[in-house]
C-alpha atoms as a PDB file:
ATOM      1  CA  MET A   1      -9.515 -13.034  11.367  1.00  0.00           C
ATOM      2  CA  ALA A   2     -12.925 -11.756  10.379  1.00  0.00           C
ATOM      3  CA  GLN A   3     -13.288 -10.292   6.914  1.00  0.00           C
ATOM      4  CA  SER A   4     -13.983  -6.783   8.215  1.00  0.00           C
ATOM      5  CA  GLN A   5     -10.855  -6.937  10.382  1.00  0.00           C
ATOM      6  CA  ARG A   6      -8.807  -8.082   7.402  1.00  0.00           C
ATOM      7  CA  ILE A   7     -10.137  -5.219   5.273  1.00  0.00           C
ATOM      8  CA  GLU A   8      -9.327  -2.707   8.022  1.00  0.00           C
ATOM      9  CA  SER A   9      -5.829  -4.149   8.342  1.00  0.00           C
ATOM     10  CA  LEU A  10      -5.326  -3.865   4.587  1.00  0.00           C
ATOM     11  CA  LYS A  11      -6.524  -0.249   4.616  1.00  0.00           C
ATOM     12  CA  GLN A  12      -4.033   0.620   7.333  1.00  0.00           C
ATOM     13  CA  ARG A  13      -1.211  -1.100   5.453  1.00  0.00           C
ATOM     14  CA  HIS A  14      -2.218   0.768   2.271  1.00  0.00           C
ATOM     15  CA  GLN A  15      -2.061   4.089   4.146  1.00  0.00           C
ATOM     16  CA  THR A  16       1.367   3.229   5.543  1.00  0.00           C
ATOM     17  CA  LEU A  17       2.621   2.414   2.060  1.00  0.00           C
ATOM     18  CA  GLU A  18       1.192   5.703   0.773  1.00  0.00           C
ATOM     19  CA  ARG A  19       3.177   7.593   3.424  1.00  0.00           C
ATOM     20  CA  ASN A  20       6.314   5.619   2.526  1.00  0.00           C
ATOM     21  CA  LEU A  21       5.767   6.427  -1.138  1.00  0.00           C
ATOM     22  CA  ASP A  22       5.397  10.137  -0.389  1.00  0.00           C
ATOM     23  CA  GLN A  23       8.588  10.084   1.666  1.00  0.00           C
ATOM     24  CA  GLU A  24      10.515   8.320  -1.064  1.00  0.00           C
ATOM     25  CA  ARG A  25       9.270  10.708  -3.749  1.00  0.00           C
ATOM     26  CA  THR A  26      10.356  13.768  -1.764  1.00  0.00           C
ATOM     27  CA  ARG A  27      13.916  12.557  -1.141  1.00  0.00           C
ATOM     28  CA  PRO A  28      16.647  14.429  -3.028  1.00  0.00           C
ATOM     29  CA  MET A  29      17.431  11.306  -5.083  1.00  0.00           C
ATOM     30  CA  PRO A  30      14.375   9.015  -5.007  1.00  0.00           C
ATOM     31  CA  ASP A  31      14.995   5.302  -5.432  1.00  0.00           C
ATOM     32  CA  THR A  32      12.900   4.379  -8.475  1.00  0.00           C
ATOM     33  CA  ALA A  33      13.111   0.670  -7.647  1.00  0.00           C
ATOM     34  CA  ALA A  34      11.732   1.310  -4.160  1.00  0.00           C
ATOM     35  CA  ILE A  35       8.947   3.453  -5.604  1.00  0.00           C
ATOM     36  CA  ALA A  36       8.010   0.712  -8.061  1.00  0.00           C
ATOM     37  CA  GLU A  37       7.988  -1.905  -5.269  1.00  0.00           C
ATOM     38  CA  ILE A  38       5.795   0.249  -3.025  1.00  0.00           C
ATOM     39  CA  LYS A  39       3.361   0.818  -5.889  1.00  0.00           C
ATOM     40  CA  ARG A  40       3.281  -2.925  -6.583  1.00  0.00           C
ATOM     41  CA  MET A  41       2.490  -3.668  -2.932  1.00  0.00           C
ATOM     42  CA  LYS A  42      -0.225  -1.000  -2.852  1.00  0.00           C
ATOM     43  CA  LEU A  43      -1.833  -2.475  -5.953  1.00  0.00           C
ATOM     44  CA  ALA A  44      -1.763  -5.979  -4.476  1.00  0.00           C
ATOM     45  CA  ILE A  45      -3.469  -4.694  -1.330  1.00  0.00           C
ATOM     46  CA  LYS A  46      -6.076  -2.840  -3.367  1.00  0.00           C
ATOM     47  CA  ASP A  47      -6.789  -5.978  -5.410  1.00  0.00           C
ATOM     48  CA  GLU A  48      -7.179  -8.059  -2.248  1.00  0.00           C
ATOM     49  CA  MET A  49      -9.581  -5.497  -0.752  1.00  0.00           C
ATOM     50  CA  GLU A  50     -11.668  -5.566  -3.937  1.00  0.00           C
ATOM     51  CA  ASN A  51     -11.760  -9.364  -3.815  1.00  0.00           C
ATOM     52  CA  LEU A  52     -12.984  -9.183  -0.223  1.00  0.00           C
ATOM     53  CA  GLY A  53     -15.743  -6.775  -1.221  1.00  0.00           C
ATOM     54  CA  ALA A  54     -14.433  -3.596   0.333  1.00  0.00           C
END
């Protein structure tokens, strides 16, 4: 996979995680463990994009 394709894929995954995070936060009883895991995954994606030069 070309670097630009990988970056685009990571951006899409990051957006999906952001939507999931918003959904979890708006639930009547948000799962704090799930929120923490989503944030961790988002950060890992962001770090990988920075390493790729995005």
